[in-house]
Amino acid sequence: MSAPTVAATVVAARSRAHGPTTALWHAVSLHRPTAEVDGACELTLCGSLARIDVDQPWPTPARDVCPACVVLTR
């Protein structure tokens, strides 16, 4: 019996500011239902760690968005 296929969903995630950098919105590719997201940090498409916000759509209309994630989701 084969495992069921789960389609990837791209959701927005907010990173934390470190040093002189600012917090940015990133894209995360989820391979599980958003109901299973427990608020922990996830690996973003650009390789950062960020906390998922399932209420924030991707692409997000915010101005402080990771440029690498924007390119990777096109």
N, C-alpha and C. Protein backbone atom coordinates (compact mmCIF):
# COMPACT_ATOMS: atom_id res chain seq x y z
N MET A 1 0.85 -1.17 0.00
CA MET A 1 0.00 0.00 0.00
C MET A 1 0.89 1.23 0.00
N SER A 2 0.58 2.20 -0.84
CA SER A 2 1.40 3.41 -0.92
C SER A 2 0.86 4.49 0.01
N ALA A 3 1.75 5.38 0.41
CA ALA A 3 1.37 6.49 1.29
C ALA A 3 0.56 7.51 0.51
N PRO A 4 -0.42 8.16 1.15
CA PRO A 4 -1.20 9.18 0.44
C PRO A 4 -0.33 10.38 0.10
N THR A 5 -0.61 10.96 -1.05
CA THR A 5 0.15 12.13 -1.48
C THR A 5 -0.46 13.39 -0.88
N VAL A 6 0.39 14.23 -0.30
CA VAL A 6 -0.06 15.49 0.28
C VAL A 6 0.51 16.62 -0.58
N ALA A 7 -0.36 17.44 -1.12
CA ALA A 7 0.10 18.56 -1.93
C ALA A 7 0.71 19.63 -1.05
N ALA A 8 1.77 20.25 -1.53
CA ALA A 8 2.43 21.31 -0.78
C ALA A 8 1.62 22.59 -0.85
N THR A 9 1.52 23.27 0.27
CA THR A 9 0.86 24.56 0.36
C THR A 9 1.90 25.58 0.78
N VAL A 10 1.95 26.72 0.11
CA VAL A 10 2.89 27.77 0.49
C VAL A 10 2.16 28.75 1.40
N VAL A 11 2.71 28.94 2.61
CA VAL A 11 2.14 29.85 3.59
C VAL A 11 3.19 30.87 4.01
N ALA A 12 2.74 31.95 4.63
CA ALA A 12 3.64 33.00 5.09
C ALA A 12 4.14 32.70 6.49
N ALA A 13 5.36 33.16 6.76
CA ALA A 13 5.96 32.98 8.08
C ALA A 13 6.76 34.23 8.41
N ARG A 14 6.77 34.60 9.67
CA ARG A 14 7.46 35.82 10.12
C ARG A 14 8.74 35.43 10.83
N SER A 15 9.87 35.99 10.37
CA SER A 15 11.14 35.73 11.02
C SER A 15 11.34 36.69 12.18
N ARG A 16 12.32 36.41 13.01
CA ARG A 16 12.66 37.30 14.12
C ARG A 16 13.82 38.18 13.69
N ALA A 17 13.85 39.37 14.23
CA ALA A 17 14.95 40.29 13.94
C ALA A 17 16.18 39.85 14.74
N HIS A 18 17.34 39.86 14.10
CA HIS A 18 18.59 39.52 14.76
C HIS A 18 19.62 40.60 14.46
N GLY A 19 20.17 41.21 15.49
CA GLY A 19 21.18 42.25 15.29
C GLY A 19 20.63 43.41 14.49
N PRO A 20 21.35 43.81 13.45
CA PRO A 20 20.90 44.97 12.65
C PRO A 20 19.82 44.61 11.62
N THR A 21 19.45 43.34 11.51
CA THR A 21 18.45 42.95 10.53
C THR A 21 17.04 43.18 11.08
N THR A 22 16.08 43.26 10.19
CA THR A 22 14.69 43.41 10.58
C THR A 22 13.94 42.10 10.34
N ALA A 23 12.82 41.96 11.01
CA ALA A 23 11.99 40.78 10.78
C ALA A 23 11.37 40.87 9.39
N LEU A 24 11.32 39.75 8.68
CA LEU A 24 10.77 39.70 7.33
C LEU A 24 9.70 38.62 7.24
N TRP A 25 8.83 38.77 6.26
CA TRP A 25 7.88 37.72 5.91
C TRP A 25 8.58 36.79 4.92
N HIS A 26 8.45 35.48 5.15
CA HIS A 26 9.05 34.47 4.29
C HIS A 26 7.98 33.50 3.81
N ALA A 27 8.35 32.68 2.84
CA ALA A 27 7.45 31.64 2.33
C ALA A 27 7.90 30.28 2.87
N VAL A 28 6.93 29.47 3.28
CA VAL A 28 7.19 28.11 3.76
C VAL A 28 6.33 27.16 2.95
N SER A 29 6.93 26.09 2.48
CA SER A 29 6.19 25.06 1.77
C SER A 29 5.80 23.99 2.77
N LEU A 30 4.51 23.90 3.07
CA LEU A 30 4.01 22.91 4.02
C LEU A 30 3.58 21.66 3.27
N HIS A 31 3.94 20.52 3.83
CA HIS A 31 3.54 19.24 3.26
C HIS A 31 2.62 18.50 4.22
N ARG A 32 1.90 19.26 5.04
CA ARG A 32 0.91 18.72 5.96
C ARG A 32 -0.20 19.77 6.12
N PRO A 33 -1.33 19.38 6.63
CA PRO A 33 -2.44 20.34 6.80
C PRO A 33 -2.04 21.47 7.75
N THR A 34 -2.54 22.68 7.47
CA THR A 34 -2.22 23.82 8.34
C THR A 34 -2.75 23.62 9.75
N ALA A 35 -3.75 22.76 9.92
CA ALA A 35 -4.28 22.48 11.26
C ALA A 35 -3.24 21.77 12.14
N GLU A 36 -2.26 21.13 11.52
CA GLU A 36 -1.22 20.43 12.26
C GLU A 36 -0.04 21.32 12.64
N VAL A 37 -0.04 22.56 12.19
CA VAL A 37 1.05 23.48 12.50
C VAL A 37 0.86 23.94 13.94
N ASP A 38 1.87 23.75 14.76
CA ASP A 38 1.73 24.03 16.19
C ASP A 38 2.38 25.33 16.64
N GLY A 39 2.75 26.19 15.72
CA GLY A 39 3.36 27.47 16.10
C GLY A 39 4.87 27.42 16.22
N ALA A 40 5.46 26.27 15.96
CA ALA A 40 6.92 26.17 16.00
C ALA A 40 7.51 26.80 14.74
N CYS A 41 8.79 27.07 14.79
CA CYS A 41 9.46 27.62 13.61
C CYS A 41 9.62 26.54 12.55
N GLU A 42 9.55 26.97 11.32
CA GLU A 42 9.71 26.07 10.18
C GLU A 42 10.81 26.62 9.28
N LEU A 43 11.39 25.76 8.47
CA LEU A 43 12.41 26.16 7.51
C LEU A 43 11.73 26.82 6.31
N THR A 44 12.14 28.02 5.97
CA THR A 44 11.55 28.76 4.86
C THR A 44 12.20 28.34 3.55
N LEU A 45 11.64 28.80 2.44
CA LEU A 45 12.19 28.45 1.14
C LEU A 45 13.61 28.97 0.95
N CYS A 46 13.94 30.10 1.59
CA CYS A 46 15.28 30.67 1.45
C CYS A 46 16.27 30.11 2.46
N GLY A 47 15.80 29.27 3.39
CA GLY A 47 16.69 28.65 4.34
C GLY A 47 16.69 29.26 5.73
N SER A 48 15.86 30.25 5.98
CA SER A 48 15.74 30.86 7.30
C SER A 48 14.76 30.06 8.15
N LEU A 49 14.76 30.33 9.43
CA LEU A 49 13.74 29.78 10.31
C LEU A 49 12.74 30.87 10.63
N ALA A 50 11.46 30.56 10.54
CA ALA A 50 10.43 31.55 10.79
C ALA A 50 9.19 30.86 11.33
N ARG A 51 8.40 31.62 12.08
CA ARG A 51 7.16 31.11 12.67
C ARG A 51 6.01 31.32 11.69
N ILE A 52 5.30 30.24 11.37
CA ILE A 52 4.21 30.28 10.40
C ILE A 52 3.02 31.04 10.96
N ASP A 53 2.41 31.83 10.10
CA ASP A 53 1.17 32.53 10.43
C ASP A 53 0.14 32.11 9.38
N VAL A 54 -0.70 31.13 9.70
CA VAL A 54 -1.65 30.60 8.72
C VAL A 54 -2.73 31.61 8.34
N ASP A 55 -2.85 32.69 9.10
CA ASP A 55 -3.83 33.73 8.77
C ASP A 55 -3.28 34.73 7.76
N GLN A 56 -1.99 34.71 7.51
CA GLN A 56 -1.35 35.64 6.57
C GLN A 56 -1.21 34.94 5.22
N PRO A 57 -1.78 35.50 4.17
CA PRO A 57 -1.69 34.85 2.85
C PRO A 57 -0.30 34.99 2.24
N TRP A 58 0.04 34.08 1.35
CA TRP A 58 1.26 34.22 0.55
C TRP A 58 0.84 34.20 -0.90
N PRO A 59 1.27 35.16 -1.69
CA PRO A 59 2.20 36.24 -1.35
C PRO A 59 1.52 37.27 -0.47
N THR A 60 2.26 37.74 0.49
CA THR A 60 1.73 38.71 1.44
C THR A 60 1.79 40.13 0.87
N PRO A 61 0.81 40.95 1.16
CA PRO A 61 0.82 42.33 0.66
C PRO A 61 1.77 43.24 1.45
N ALA A 62 2.43 42.72 2.46
CA ALA A 62 3.33 43.54 3.29
C ALA A 62 4.54 44.00 2.49
N ARG A 63 5.19 45.03 2.97
CA ARG A 63 6.39 45.56 2.30
C ARG A 63 7.67 44.86 2.74
N ASP A 64 7.67 44.34 3.97
CA ASP A 64 8.89 43.73 4.51
C ASP A 64 8.92 42.23 4.23
N VAL A 65 9.09 41.90 2.94
CA VAL A 65 9.05 40.53 2.47
C VAL A 65 10.46 40.12 2.01
N CYS A 66 10.83 38.89 2.29
CA CYS A 66 12.13 38.36 1.88
C CYS A 66 12.21 38.30 0.35
N PRO A 67 13.18 39.00 -0.24
CA PRO A 67 13.28 39.00 -1.71
C PRO A 67 13.60 37.62 -2.29
N ALA A 68 14.36 36.81 -1.56
CA ALA A 68 14.68 35.48 -2.05
C ALA A 68 13.44 34.59 -2.09
N CYS A 69 12.59 34.68 -1.09
CA CYS A 69 11.36 33.89 -1.08
C CYS A 69 10.42 34.32 -2.19
N VAL A 70 10.38 35.59 -2.51
CA VAL A 70 9.54 36.08 -3.60
C VAL A 70 9.98 35.44 -4.91
N VAL A 71 11.29 35.42 -5.15
CA VAL A 71 11.82 34.84 -6.38
C VAL A 71 11.57 33.33 -6.42
N LEU A 72 11.75 32.66 -5.28
CA LEU A 72 11.58 31.20 -5.24
C LEU A 72 10.14 30.75 -5.40
N THR A 73 9.18 31.62 -5.16
CA THR A 73 7.76 31.23 -5.31
C THR A 73 7.18 31.63 -6.65
N ARG A 74 7.96 32.20 -7.50
CA ARG A 74 7.44 32.58 -8.84
C ARG A 74 7.44 31.41 -9.77
